[in-house]
Amino acid sequence: MKQPTGRRGWKTSRPTLVATAAMLCAVWGPGCTKKVSVGLPPGLAEDEARRLNNAREIAVDAQRTKDPSKAAEKYKDAVREYREFPSAWTNLGVLMMNDEQYLQAAEAFGTAAELDASDPRPLYNLGLLYDRRGYLREARGYYERALERDDNFLPALRGVIRADALLNEGSTQTLRWLERALMLEQDRKWQEWMRLQKARIESLPSVKALEQF
């Protein structure tokens, strides 16, 4: 399956953005926290549980399907069966983005983000989508929103720092992201590049002026 990529034009001295959209599990687990509603009349609760189980089975089948177009159709079936299934929406969005169905992918990621307000991955994927289409400032905003959900989510840290570098911007907030990213980063090329960005931002007059207070 073709993976989303970052913007072109990087020099070889810079690390290439690992621009892989984040897919989620097809069953409830980390990032898939929606539970069957409690307090419903027995008949309605049983119906919701049945639809949830059906959707889970369809999504597991989609996850095993090697043909991306067939997998996408299965994820559509899963969310039609049970709409409140954030991981299925996220995986559907990834497949649509890979197929260059950007508007539909954005809608799928947005739905996933609404259904699971704690997961950073749908927002990161939205950032990646905008990044891929050349809307870097909008992408940066989604990376930042992803970090509001999980400030240790390394793909979003890489994305927002890279966006500031390409926009030739930086602030004390960028420095805080860099410090956190450097504690998490294992890739040496990224580490070296981040240290260069840290030095660049620390030399900015606006940041120097703030450090005097």
N, C-alpha and C. Protein backbone atom coordinates (compact mmCIF):
# COMPACT_ATOMS: atom_id res chain seq x y z
N MET A 1 0.85 -1.19 0.00
CA MET A 1 0.00 0.00 0.00
C MET A 1 0.88 1.24 0.00
N LYS A 2 0.59 2.17 -0.91
CA LYS A 2 1.37 3.40 -0.96
C LYS A 2 1.11 4.23 0.28
N GLN A 3 2.17 4.69 0.91
CA GLN A 3 2.04 5.47 2.13
C GLN A 3 2.08 6.95 1.80
N PRO A 4 1.34 7.78 2.55
CA PRO A 4 1.43 9.22 2.35
C PRO A 4 2.85 9.70 2.60
N THR A 5 3.25 10.72 1.87
CA THR A 5 4.59 11.24 2.02
C THR A 5 4.55 12.71 2.34
N GLY A 6 5.67 13.22 2.87
CA GLY A 6 5.76 14.64 3.18
C GLY A 6 5.97 15.46 1.93
N ARG A 7 6.06 16.75 2.12
CA ARG A 7 6.26 17.63 0.98
C ARG A 7 7.63 17.38 0.35
N ARG A 8 7.72 17.62 -0.97
CA ARG A 8 8.98 17.43 -1.66
C ARG A 8 9.87 18.65 -1.47
N GLY A 9 11.10 18.48 -1.90
CA GLY A 9 12.01 19.61 -1.86
C GLY A 9 12.97 19.57 -0.70
N TRP A 10 12.99 18.50 0.05
CA TRP A 10 13.93 18.37 1.16
C TRP A 10 15.33 18.14 0.62
N LYS A 11 16.29 18.80 1.24
CA LYS A 11 17.69 18.53 0.92
C LYS A 11 18.10 17.23 1.59
N THR A 12 19.11 16.59 1.05
CA THR A 12 19.51 15.29 1.58
C THR A 12 20.10 15.41 2.98
N SER A 13 20.50 16.61 3.38
CA SER A 13 21.07 16.78 4.72
C SER A 13 19.99 16.79 5.80
N ARG A 14 18.74 16.91 5.37
CA ARG A 14 17.64 16.91 6.34
C ARG A 14 17.01 15.53 6.41
N PRO A 15 16.51 15.14 7.56
CA PRO A 15 15.83 13.85 7.64
C PRO A 15 14.50 13.92 6.91
N THR A 16 14.15 12.86 6.21
CA THR A 16 12.88 12.81 5.52
C THR A 16 11.77 12.57 6.52
N LEU A 17 10.71 13.33 6.40
CA LEU A 17 9.57 13.15 7.30
C LEU A 17 8.98 11.76 7.11
N VAL A 18 8.85 11.03 8.20
CA VAL A 18 8.21 9.72 8.13
C VAL A 18 6.72 9.98 8.11
N ALA A 19 6.20 10.22 6.92
CA ALA A 19 4.83 10.70 6.79
C ALA A 19 3.88 9.53 6.57
N THR A 20 3.74 8.72 7.55
CA THR A 20 2.86 7.56 7.48
C THR A 20 1.63 7.84 8.32
N ALA A 21 0.49 7.77 7.70
CA ALA A 21 -0.74 8.01 8.43
C ALA A 21 -0.91 6.94 9.51
N ALA A 22 -1.47 7.35 10.64
CA ALA A 22 -1.62 6.44 11.77
C ALA A 22 -2.92 5.67 11.65
N MET A 23 -2.82 4.36 11.52
CA MET A 23 -4.00 3.50 11.51
C MET A 23 -4.21 2.95 12.91
N LEU A 24 -5.44 2.57 13.20
CA LEU A 24 -5.79 2.10 14.53
C LEU A 24 -6.26 0.66 14.49
N CYS A 25 -6.42 0.09 15.69
CA CYS A 25 -6.90 -1.28 15.77
C CYS A 25 -8.34 -1.36 15.30
N ALA A 26 -8.71 -2.50 14.83
CA ALA A 26 -10.08 -2.69 14.34
C ALA A 26 -11.01 -3.19 15.43
N VAL A 27 -10.50 -3.40 16.62
CA VAL A 27 -11.32 -3.79 17.77
C VAL A 27 -11.04 -2.80 18.87
N TRP A 28 -11.86 -2.77 19.89
CA TRP A 28 -11.68 -1.81 20.96
C TRP A 28 -10.39 -2.10 21.72
N GLY A 29 -9.61 -1.08 21.95
CA GLY A 29 -8.32 -1.16 22.60
C GLY A 29 -7.77 0.24 22.68
N PRO A 30 -6.45 0.45 22.77
CA PRO A 30 -5.89 1.80 22.78
C PRO A 30 -6.31 2.58 21.55
N GLY A 31 -6.90 3.74 21.76
CA GLY A 31 -7.38 4.54 20.65
C GLY A 31 -8.75 4.11 20.16
N CYS A 32 -9.35 3.13 20.78
CA CYS A 32 -10.65 2.63 20.36
C CYS A 32 -11.50 2.44 21.61
N THR A 33 -11.86 3.55 22.23
CA THR A 33 -12.36 3.48 23.59
C THR A 33 -13.87 3.56 23.71
N LYS A 34 -14.57 3.71 22.61
CA LYS A 34 -16.02 3.83 22.69
C LYS A 34 -16.63 2.54 23.23
N LYS A 35 -17.49 2.67 24.22
CA LYS A 35 -18.15 1.51 24.83
C LYS A 35 -19.63 1.55 24.52
N VAL A 36 -20.27 0.41 24.65
CA VAL A 36 -21.72 0.37 24.49
C VAL A 36 -22.35 1.22 25.58
N SER A 37 -23.32 2.02 25.20
CA SER A 37 -23.95 2.94 26.15
C SER A 37 -24.61 2.18 27.29
N VAL A 38 -24.51 2.74 28.49
CA VAL A 38 -25.15 2.13 29.64
C VAL A 38 -26.45 2.85 29.92
N GLY A 39 -27.33 2.22 30.63
CA GLY A 39 -28.58 2.84 31.03
C GLY A 39 -29.66 2.79 29.96
N LEU A 40 -29.42 2.09 28.86
CA LEU A 40 -30.43 1.96 27.82
C LEU A 40 -31.41 0.84 28.19
N PRO A 41 -32.65 0.93 27.70
CA PRO A 41 -33.56 -0.20 27.87
C PRO A 41 -32.93 -1.47 27.32
N PRO A 42 -33.22 -2.63 27.90
CA PRO A 42 -32.55 -3.87 27.50
C PRO A 42 -32.59 -4.13 26.00
N GLY A 43 -33.71 -3.88 25.35
CA GLY A 43 -33.81 -4.15 23.93
C GLY A 43 -32.86 -3.28 23.12
N LEU A 44 -32.80 -1.99 23.47
CA LEU A 44 -31.92 -1.08 22.75
C LEU A 44 -30.46 -1.39 23.02
N ALA A 45 -30.15 -1.72 24.28
CA ALA A 45 -28.77 -2.05 24.62
C ALA A 45 -28.31 -3.29 23.85
N GLU A 46 -29.18 -4.28 23.76
CA GLU A 46 -28.83 -5.50 23.04
C GLU A 46 -28.64 -5.22 21.56
N ASP A 47 -29.48 -4.35 20.99
CA ASP A 47 -29.35 -4.01 19.58
C ASP A 47 -28.04 -3.27 19.32
N GLU A 48 -27.68 -2.35 20.21
CA GLU A 48 -26.42 -1.62 20.03
C GLU A 48 -25.23 -2.57 20.15
N ALA A 49 -25.28 -3.47 21.11
CA ALA A 49 -24.20 -4.44 21.26
C ALA A 49 -24.07 -5.32 20.03
N ARG A 50 -25.21 -5.70 19.47
CA ARG A 50 -25.18 -6.55 18.26
C ARG A 50 -24.56 -5.79 17.10
N ARG A 51 -24.97 -4.52 16.91
CA ARG A 51 -24.43 -3.73 15.81
C ARG A 51 -22.93 -3.48 16.00
N LEU A 52 -22.54 -3.24 17.25
CA LEU A 52 -21.11 -3.04 17.54
C LEU A 52 -20.31 -4.29 17.20
N ASN A 53 -20.79 -5.44 17.62
CA ASN A 53 -20.07 -6.68 17.34
C ASN A 53 -20.00 -6.95 15.84
N ASN A 54 -21.09 -6.66 15.13
CA ASN A 54 -21.08 -6.84 13.68
C ASN A 54 -20.04 -5.92 13.04
N ALA A 55 -20.01 -4.67 13.50
CA ALA A 55 -19.06 -3.71 12.94
C ALA A 55 -17.63 -4.13 13.22
N ARG A 56 -17.40 -4.66 14.41
CA ARG A 56 -16.05 -5.13 14.76
C ARG A 56 -15.60 -6.25 13.84
N GLU A 57 -16.49 -7.20 13.58
CA GLU A 57 -16.15 -8.31 12.70
C GLU A 57 -15.84 -7.83 11.29
N ILE A 58 -16.64 -6.87 10.81
CA ILE A 58 -16.40 -6.33 9.47
C ILE A 58 -15.06 -5.61 9.42
N ALA A 59 -14.76 -4.85 10.48
CA ALA A 59 -13.50 -4.09 10.50
C ALA A 59 -12.29 -5.01 10.59
N VAL A 60 -12.39 -6.08 11.35
CA VAL A 60 -11.29 -7.05 11.42
C VAL A 60 -11.06 -7.67 10.04
N ASP A 61 -12.16 -7.97 9.35
CA ASP A 61 -12.04 -8.52 8.01
C ASP A 61 -11.39 -7.51 7.08
N ALA A 62 -11.75 -6.23 7.22
CA ALA A 62 -11.14 -5.18 6.40
C ALA A 62 -9.65 -5.08 6.66
N GLN A 63 -9.27 -5.21 7.93
CA GLN A 63 -7.87 -5.10 8.29
C GLN A 63 -7.04 -6.22 7.67
N ARG A 64 -7.65 -7.34 7.43
CA ARG A 64 -6.94 -8.49 6.84
C ARG A 64 -6.95 -8.47 5.31
N THR A 65 -7.76 -7.58 4.73
CA THR A 65 -7.91 -7.55 3.29
C THR A 65 -6.72 -6.84 2.65
N LYS A 66 -6.11 -7.49 1.66
CA LYS A 66 -4.91 -6.94 1.03
C LYS A 66 -5.24 -5.91 -0.04
N ASP A 67 -6.43 -5.97 -0.61
CA ASP A 67 -6.84 -5.02 -1.64
C ASP A 67 -7.36 -3.75 -0.96
N PRO A 68 -6.68 -2.61 -1.12
CA PRO A 68 -7.09 -1.38 -0.43
C PRO A 68 -8.52 -0.95 -0.75
N SER A 69 -8.94 -1.08 -2.01
CA SER A 69 -10.29 -0.64 -2.38
C SER A 69 -11.34 -1.52 -1.71
N LYS A 70 -11.08 -2.81 -1.64
CA LYS A 70 -12.03 -3.71 -0.95
C LYS A 70 -12.03 -3.45 0.55
N ALA A 71 -10.85 -3.17 1.11
CA ALA A 71 -10.77 -2.86 2.53
C ALA A 71 -11.56 -1.59 2.85
N ALA A 72 -11.46 -0.59 1.98
CA ALA A 72 -12.19 0.66 2.19
C ALA A 72 -13.70 0.41 2.20
N GLU A 73 -14.17 -0.44 1.28
CA GLU A 73 -15.60 -0.74 1.23
C GLU A 73 -16.05 -1.44 2.51
N LYS A 74 -15.19 -2.29 3.04
CA LYS A 74 -15.54 -2.99 4.27
C LYS A 74 -15.60 -2.02 5.46
N TYR A 75 -14.67 -1.07 5.51
CA TYR A 75 -14.72 -0.07 6.58
C TYR A 75 -15.98 0.79 6.46
N LYS A 76 -16.39 1.09 5.22
CA LYS A 76 -17.64 1.83 5.03
C LYS A 76 -18.82 1.02 5.58
N ASP A 77 -18.80 -0.29 5.31
CA ASP A 77 -19.85 -1.15 5.84
C ASP A 77 -19.83 -1.14 7.37
N ALA A 78 -18.63 -1.13 7.94
CA ALA A 78 -18.51 -1.15 9.41
C ALA A 78 -19.12 0.09 10.03
N VAL A 79 -18.83 1.27 9.47
CA VAL A 79 -19.35 2.50 10.07
C VAL A 79 -20.83 2.70 9.74
N ARG A 80 -21.30 2.08 8.66
CA ARG A 80 -22.74 2.11 8.42
C ARG A 80 -23.47 1.26 9.45
N GLU A 81 -22.83 0.16 9.84
CA GLU A 81 -23.42 -0.72 10.86
C GLU A 81 -23.39 -0.08 12.24
N TYR A 82 -22.27 0.59 12.54
CA TYR A 82 -22.12 1.22 13.86
C TYR A 82 -21.28 2.48 13.69
N ARG A 83 -21.95 3.63 13.63
CA ARG A 83 -21.27 4.87 13.29
C ARG A 83 -20.21 5.26 14.32
N GLU A 84 -20.45 4.98 15.59
CA GLU A 84 -19.55 5.44 16.65
C GLU A 84 -18.37 4.48 16.83
N PHE A 85 -17.60 4.36 15.77
CA PHE A 85 -16.49 3.41 15.70
C PHE A 85 -15.27 4.18 15.20
N PRO A 86 -14.56 4.90 16.09
CA PRO A 86 -13.50 5.81 15.64
C PRO A 86 -12.36 5.15 14.88
N SER A 87 -11.96 3.95 15.28
CA SER A 87 -10.83 3.32 14.59
C SER A 87 -11.18 2.96 13.16
N ALA A 88 -12.43 2.57 12.91
CA ALA A 88 -12.85 2.26 11.54
C ALA A 88 -12.85 3.52 10.69
N TRP A 89 -13.29 4.65 11.25
CA TRP A 89 -13.26 5.91 10.52
C TRP A 89 -11.82 6.32 10.20
N THR A 90 -10.92 6.14 11.17
CA THR A 90 -9.52 6.51 10.94
C THR A 90 -8.91 5.66 9.83
N ASN A 91 -9.12 4.36 9.89
CA ASN A 91 -8.54 3.48 8.87
C ASN A 91 -9.15 3.74 7.50
N LEU A 92 -10.44 4.05 7.48
CA LEU A 92 -11.08 4.41 6.21
C LEU A 92 -10.45 5.68 5.65
N GLY A 93 -10.19 6.66 6.53
CA GLY A 93 -9.56 7.90 6.09
C GLY A 93 -8.18 7.68 5.51
N VAL A 94 -7.40 6.79 6.12
CA VAL A 94 -6.06 6.49 5.61
C VAL A 94 -6.15 5.91 4.20
N LEU A 95 -7.06 4.97 4.00
CA LEU A 95 -7.20 4.36 2.68
C LEU A 95 -7.66 5.38 1.64
N MET A 96 -8.55 6.27 2.04
CA MET A 96 -9.02 7.29 1.12
C MET A 96 -7.91 8.29 0.79
N MET A 97 -7.10 8.65 1.78
CA MET A 97 -6.00 9.56 1.52
C MET A 97 -4.99 8.92 0.58
N ASN A 98 -4.70 7.65 0.78
CA ASN A 98 -3.78 6.94 -0.13
C ASN A 98 -4.33 6.89 -1.55
N ASP A 99 -5.66 6.90 -1.66
CA ASP A 99 -6.31 6.86 -2.97
C ASP A 99 -6.59 8.26 -3.51
N GLU A 100 -6.05 9.27 -2.81
CA GLU A 100 -6.17 10.68 -3.21
C GLU A 100 -7.62 11.17 -3.18
N GLN A 101 -8.44 10.57 -2.34
CA GLN A 101 -9.80 11.07 -2.09
C GLN A 101 -9.73 11.97 -0.85
N TYR A 102 -9.16 13.15 -1.04
CA TYR A 102 -8.76 13.96 0.10
C TYR A 102 -9.95 14.51 0.88
N LEU A 103 -10.99 14.95 0.20
CA LEU A 103 -12.14 15.51 0.91
C LEU A 103 -12.80 14.44 1.77
N GLN A 104 -13.00 13.26 1.19
CA GLN A 104 -13.63 12.17 1.95
C GLN A 104 -12.73 11.72 3.10
N ALA A 105 -11.42 11.71 2.87
CA ALA A 105 -10.50 11.34 3.94
C ALA A 105 -10.57 12.34 5.09
N ALA A 106 -10.62 13.63 4.76
CA ALA A 106 -10.70 14.65 5.81
C ALA A 106 -11.98 14.48 6.63
N GLU A 107 -13.08 14.16 5.96
CA GLU A 107 -14.34 13.95 6.68
C GLU A 107 -14.24 12.74 7.61
N ALA A 108 -13.60 11.68 7.13
CA ALA A 108 -13.45 10.48 7.96
C ALA A 108 -12.58 10.76 9.18
N PHE A 109 -11.46 11.46 8.98
CA PHE A 109 -10.59 11.79 10.10
C PHE A 109 -11.30 12.72 11.09
N GLY A 110 -12.07 13.67 10.55
CA GLY A 110 -12.80 14.58 11.43
C GLY A 110 -13.82 13.85 12.28
N THR A 111 -14.50 12.88 11.69
CA THR A 111 -15.47 12.09 12.45
C THR A 111 -14.77 11.29 13.54
N ALA A 112 -13.63 10.67 13.20
CA ALA A 112 -12.88 9.90 14.19
C ALA A 112 -12.42 10.79 15.34
N ALA A 113 -11.99 12.00 15.02
CA ALA A 113 -11.52 12.92 16.06
C ALA A 113 -12.65 13.33 17.00
N GLU A 114 -13.85 13.48 16.46
CA GLU A 114 -15.00 13.82 17.29
C GLU A 114 -15.42 12.66 18.18
N LEU A 115 -15.36 11.45 17.65
CA LEU A 115 -15.82 10.29 18.40
C LEU A 115 -14.87 9.88 19.52
N ASP A 116 -13.58 10.14 19.35
CA ASP A 116 -12.61 9.82 20.40
C ASP A 116 -11.78 11.08 20.66
N ALA A 117 -12.19 11.83 21.65
CA ALA A 117 -11.57 13.14 21.92
C ALA A 117 -10.20 13.03 22.58
N SER A 118 -9.73 11.82 22.87
CA SER A 118 -8.43 11.66 23.52
C SER A 118 -7.33 11.20 22.57
N ASP A 119 -7.70 10.75 21.39
CA ASP A 119 -6.72 10.15 20.49
C ASP A 119 -6.12 11.21 19.57
N PRO A 120 -4.79 11.33 19.52
CA PRO A 120 -4.16 12.34 18.66
C PRO A 120 -4.08 11.94 17.20
N ARG A 121 -4.26 10.66 16.89
CA ARG A 121 -3.95 10.18 15.55
C ARG A 121 -4.85 10.72 14.45
N PRO A 122 -6.17 10.83 14.66
CA PRO A 122 -6.97 11.42 13.58
C PRO A 122 -6.56 12.85 13.25
N LEU A 123 -6.23 13.64 14.27
CA LEU A 123 -5.81 15.02 14.03
C LEU A 123 -4.44 15.06 13.35
N TYR A 124 -3.54 14.17 13.76
CA TYR A 124 -2.25 14.08 13.08
C TYR A 124 -2.45 13.73 11.61
N ASN A 125 -3.36 12.78 11.34
CA ASN A 125 -3.62 12.40 9.96
C ASN A 125 -4.19 13.56 9.15
N LEU A 126 -5.04 14.38 9.78
CA LEU A 126 -5.54 15.57 9.10
C LEU A 126 -4.38 16.51 8.77
N GLY A 127 -3.46 16.67 9.71
CA GLY A 127 -2.28 17.49 9.45
C GLY A 127 -1.47 16.95 8.29
N LEU A 128 -1.30 15.64 8.26
CA LEU A 128 -0.55 15.00 7.19
C LEU A 128 -1.23 15.20 5.85
N LEU A 129 -2.56 15.14 5.85
CA LEU A 129 -3.31 15.34 4.62
C LEU A 129 -3.07 16.76 4.08
N TYR A 130 -3.20 17.76 4.95
CA TYR A 130 -2.96 19.14 4.51
C TYR A 130 -1.50 19.35 4.12
N ASP A 131 -0.60 18.72 4.84
CA ASP A 131 0.82 18.81 4.52
C ASP A 131 1.07 18.27 3.12
N ARG A 132 0.48 17.15 2.83
CA ARG A 132 0.65 16.51 1.53
C ARG A 132 0.12 17.37 0.39
N ARG A 133 -0.93 18.14 0.66
CA ARG A 133 -1.52 18.98 -0.36
C ARG A 133 -0.86 20.35 -0.45
N GLY A 134 0.14 20.61 0.40
CA GLY A 134 0.88 21.86 0.31
C GLY A 134 0.37 22.96 1.20
N TYR A 135 -0.59 22.68 2.09
CA TYR A 135 -1.12 23.68 3.01
C TYR A 135 -0.41 23.54 4.35
N LEU A 136 0.81 24.04 4.39
CA LEU A 136 1.67 23.76 5.53
C LEU A 136 1.19 24.41 6.81
N ARG A 137 0.70 25.64 6.73
CA ARG A 137 0.26 26.30 7.95
C ARG A 137 -0.97 25.61 8.54
N GLU A 138 -1.89 25.19 7.68
CA GLU A 138 -3.05 24.44 8.18
C GLU A 138 -2.61 23.11 8.78
N ALA A 139 -1.64 22.46 8.13
CA ALA A 139 -1.11 21.20 8.65
C ALA A 139 -0.53 21.41 10.03
N ARG A 140 0.23 22.48 10.19
CA ARG A 140 0.84 22.78 11.48
C ARG A 140 -0.22 22.89 12.57
N GLY A 141 -1.35 23.52 12.25
CA GLY A 141 -2.41 23.66 13.23
C GLY A 141 -2.96 22.33 13.71
N TYR A 142 -3.09 21.38 12.78
CA TYR A 142 -3.59 20.06 13.18
C TYR A 142 -2.54 19.29 13.97
N TYR A 143 -1.26 19.42 13.61
CA TYR A 143 -0.22 18.78 14.40
C TYR A 143 -0.25 19.31 15.84
N GLU A 144 -0.45 20.62 15.96
CA GLU A 144 -0.48 21.21 17.30
C GLU A 144 -1.69 20.72 18.08
N ARG A 145 -2.84 20.60 17.41
CA ARG A 145 -4.03 20.08 18.09
C ARG A 145 -3.83 18.63 18.51
N ALA A 146 -3.12 17.85 17.71
CA ALA A 146 -2.82 16.47 18.09
C ALA A 146 -1.99 16.44 19.36
N LEU A 147 -1.04 17.38 19.47
CA LEU A 147 -0.18 17.44 20.66
C LEU A 147 -0.94 17.90 21.89
N GLU A 148 -2.04 18.62 21.71
CA GLU A 148 -2.88 18.99 22.86
C GLU A 148 -3.52 17.75 23.47
N ARG A 149 -3.70 16.73 22.65
CA ARG A 149 -4.27 15.47 23.15
C ARG A 149 -3.20 14.56 23.75
N ASP A 150 -2.01 14.59 23.17
CA ASP A 150 -0.91 13.76 23.67
C ASP A 150 0.39 14.48 23.32
N ASP A 151 0.99 15.12 24.32
CA ASP A 151 2.20 15.92 24.03
C ASP A 151 3.44 15.06 23.84
N ASN A 152 3.30 13.73 23.93
CA ASN A 152 4.41 12.82 23.65
C ASN A 152 4.25 12.09 22.33
N PHE A 153 3.31 12.52 21.50
CA PHE A 153 3.06 11.83 20.23
C PHE A 153 4.11 12.28 19.22
N LEU A 154 5.13 11.44 19.03
CA LEU A 154 6.32 11.82 18.28
C LEU A 154 6.03 12.22 16.83
N PRO A 155 5.16 11.51 16.09
CA PRO A 155 4.90 11.95 14.71
C PRO A 155 4.41 13.40 14.63
N ALA A 156 3.55 13.79 15.57
CA ALA A 156 3.06 15.17 15.57
C ALA A 156 4.15 16.14 15.99
N LEU A 157 5.02 15.74 16.92
CA LEU A 157 6.15 16.59 17.29
C LEU A 157 7.05 16.81 16.08
N ARG A 158 7.36 15.74 15.37
CA ARG A 158 8.17 15.89 14.16
C ARG A 158 7.49 16.83 13.16
N GLY A 159 6.17 16.63 12.99
CA GLY A 159 5.44 17.42 12.01
C GLY A 159 5.43 18.90 12.32
N VAL A 160 5.15 19.25 13.57
CA VAL A 160 5.04 20.67 13.92
C VAL A 160 6.41 21.34 13.89
N ILE A 161 7.45 20.64 14.31
CA ILE A 161 8.81 21.21 14.27
C ILE A 161 9.25 21.40 12.83
N ARG A 162 8.98 20.42 11.99
CA ARG A 162 9.32 20.52 10.58
C ARG A 162 8.56 21.66 9.92
N ALA A 163 7.28 21.83 10.28
CA ALA A 163 6.50 22.92 9.71
C ALA A 163 7.11 24.27 10.06
N ASP A 164 7.51 24.44 11.32
CA ASP A 164 8.14 25.70 11.72
C ASP A 164 9.44 25.93 10.95
N ALA A 165 10.17 24.84 10.69
CA ALA A 165 11.42 24.98 9.95
C ALA A 165 11.16 25.43 8.51
N LEU A 166 10.17 24.81 7.86
CA LEU A 166 9.86 25.15 6.48
C LEU A 166 9.25 26.54 6.36
N LEU A 167 8.54 26.96 7.40
CA LEU A 167 7.97 28.31 7.40
C LEU A 167 8.97 29.36 7.87
N ASN A 168 10.18 28.87 8.22
CA ASN A 168 11.23 29.75 8.74
C ASN A 168 10.75 30.51 9.97
N GLU A 169 10.07 29.80 10.84
CA GLU A 169 9.54 30.37 12.07
C GLU A 169 10.05 29.57 13.26
N GLY A 170 9.73 30.04 14.44
CA GLY A 170 10.14 29.36 15.66
C GLY A 170 9.86 30.24 16.85
N SER A 171 9.65 29.61 17.98
CA SER A 171 9.31 30.34 19.20
C SER A 171 9.76 29.53 20.40
N THR A 172 9.51 30.07 21.58
CA THR A 172 9.83 29.32 22.79
C THR A 172 9.00 28.04 22.87
N GLN A 173 7.79 28.07 22.30
CA GLN A 173 6.97 26.86 22.26
C GLN A 173 7.64 25.80 21.38
N THR A 174 8.19 26.23 20.24
CA THR A 174 8.90 25.29 19.38
C THR A 174 10.08 24.68 20.12
N LEU A 175 10.76 25.49 20.91
CA LEU A 175 11.88 24.97 21.70
C LEU A 175 11.41 23.92 22.69
N ARG A 176 10.25 24.14 23.30
CA ARG A 176 9.72 23.14 24.24
C ARG A 176 9.38 21.85 23.51
N TRP A 177 8.82 21.98 22.31
CA TRP A 177 8.55 20.77 21.51
C TRP A 177 9.84 20.06 21.15
N LEU A 178 10.85 20.82 20.79
CA LEU A 178 12.14 20.23 20.43
C LEU A 178 12.75 19.49 21.61
N GLU A 179 12.70 20.07 22.77
CA GLU A 179 13.26 19.42 23.96
C GLU A 179 12.54 18.11 24.25
N ARG A 180 11.22 18.13 24.11
CA ARG A 180 10.45 16.90 24.35
C ARG A 180 10.75 15.86 23.27
N ALA A 181 10.81 16.32 22.02
CA ALA A 181 11.07 15.39 20.91
C ALA A 181 12.44 14.75 21.04
N LEU A 182 13.43 15.53 21.46
CA LEU A 182 14.78 14.99 21.60
C LEU A 182 14.86 13.94 22.70
N MET A 183 13.99 14.03 23.69
CA MET A 183 13.96 13.00 24.73
C MET A 183 13.33 11.71 24.22
N LEU A 184 12.46 11.83 23.20
CA LEU A 184 11.74 10.67 22.68
C LEU A 184 12.38 10.07 21.44
N GLU A 185 13.07 10.89 20.67
CA GLU A 185 13.56 10.49 19.36
C GLU A 185 14.69 9.46 19.46
N GLN A 186 14.59 8.41 18.63
CA GLN A 186 15.60 7.36 18.57
C GLN A 186 16.40 7.40 17.27
N ASP A 187 15.87 8.08 16.27
CA ASP A 187 16.53 8.15 14.97
C ASP A 187 17.63 9.21 15.02
N ARG A 188 18.86 8.82 14.71
CA ARG A 188 19.99 9.75 14.84
C ARG A 188 19.89 10.91 13.87
N LYS A 189 19.40 10.66 12.65
CA LYS A 189 19.27 11.75 11.69
C LYS A 189 18.29 12.80 12.18
N TRP A 190 17.20 12.34 12.74
CA TRP A 190 16.24 13.28 13.31
C TRP A 190 16.84 14.01 14.49
N GLN A 191 17.58 13.31 15.34
CA GLN A 191 18.20 13.95 16.49
C GLN A 191 19.14 15.08 16.05
N GLU A 192 19.98 14.78 15.06
CA GLU A 192 20.93 15.78 14.58
C GLU A 192 20.20 16.99 13.99
N TRP A 193 19.18 16.71 13.20
CA TRP A 193 18.43 17.80 12.58
C TRP A 193 17.72 18.64 13.63
N MET A 194 17.14 17.99 14.64
CA MET A 194 16.45 18.73 15.69
C MET A 194 17.40 19.62 16.49
N ARG A 195 18.61 19.14 16.71
CA ARG A 195 19.59 19.96 17.42
C ARG A 195 19.95 21.20 16.60
N LEU A 196 20.05 21.04 15.29
CA LEU A 196 20.30 22.19 14.42
C LEU A 196 19.14 23.17 14.48
N GLN A 197 17.91 22.65 14.51
CA GLN A 197 16.75 23.53 14.61
C GLN A 197 16.71 24.24 15.96
N LYS A 198 17.10 23.55 16.99
CA LYS A 198 17.13 24.16 18.32
C LYS A 198 18.12 25.34 18.33
N ALA A 199 19.28 25.14 17.74
CA ALA A 199 20.27 26.21 17.68
C ALA A 199 19.76 27.37 16.83
N ARG A 200 19.07 27.05 15.72
CA ARG A 200 18.54 28.10 14.86
C ARG A 200 17.53 28.97 15.59
N ILE A 201 16.61 28.32 16.31
CA ILE A 201 15.55 29.07 16.99
C ILE A 201 16.11 29.87 18.16
N GLU A 202 17.06 29.29 18.87
CA GLU A 202 17.67 30.02 19.99
C GLU A 202 18.40 31.28 19.54
N SER A 203 18.79 31.31 18.26
CA SER A 203 19.50 32.49 17.74
C SER A 203 18.56 33.56 17.20
N LEU A 204 17.26 33.26 17.13
CA LEU A 204 16.31 34.25 16.62
C LEU A 204 16.22 35.44 17.56
N PRO A 205 16.20 36.67 17.04
CA PRO A 205 16.12 37.86 17.91
C PRO A 205 14.90 37.84 18.81
N SER A 206 13.76 37.38 18.30
CA SER A 206 12.55 37.38 19.12
C SER A 206 12.67 36.45 20.31
N VAL A 207 13.36 35.31 20.12
CA VAL A 207 13.53 34.36 21.22
C VAL A 207 14.60 34.89 22.19
N LYS A 208 15.66 35.46 21.67
CA LYS A 208 16.69 36.05 22.52
C LYS A 208 16.12 37.14 23.42
N ALA A 209 15.23 37.96 22.85
CA ALA A 209 14.64 39.05 23.63
C ALA A 209 13.80 38.50 24.80
N LEU A 210 13.07 37.42 24.54
CA LEU A 210 12.25 36.82 25.61
C LEU A 210 13.11 36.21 26.70
N GLU A 211 14.27 35.67 26.32
CA GLU A 211 15.15 35.03 27.31
C GLU A 211 15.76 36.03 28.28
N GLN A 212 15.73 37.33 27.93
CA GLN A 212 16.30 38.33 28.80
C GLN A 212 15.38 38.67 29.96
N PHE A 213 14.11 38.27 29.85
CA PHE A 213 13.16 38.58 30.92
C PHE A 213 13.06 37.43 31.92
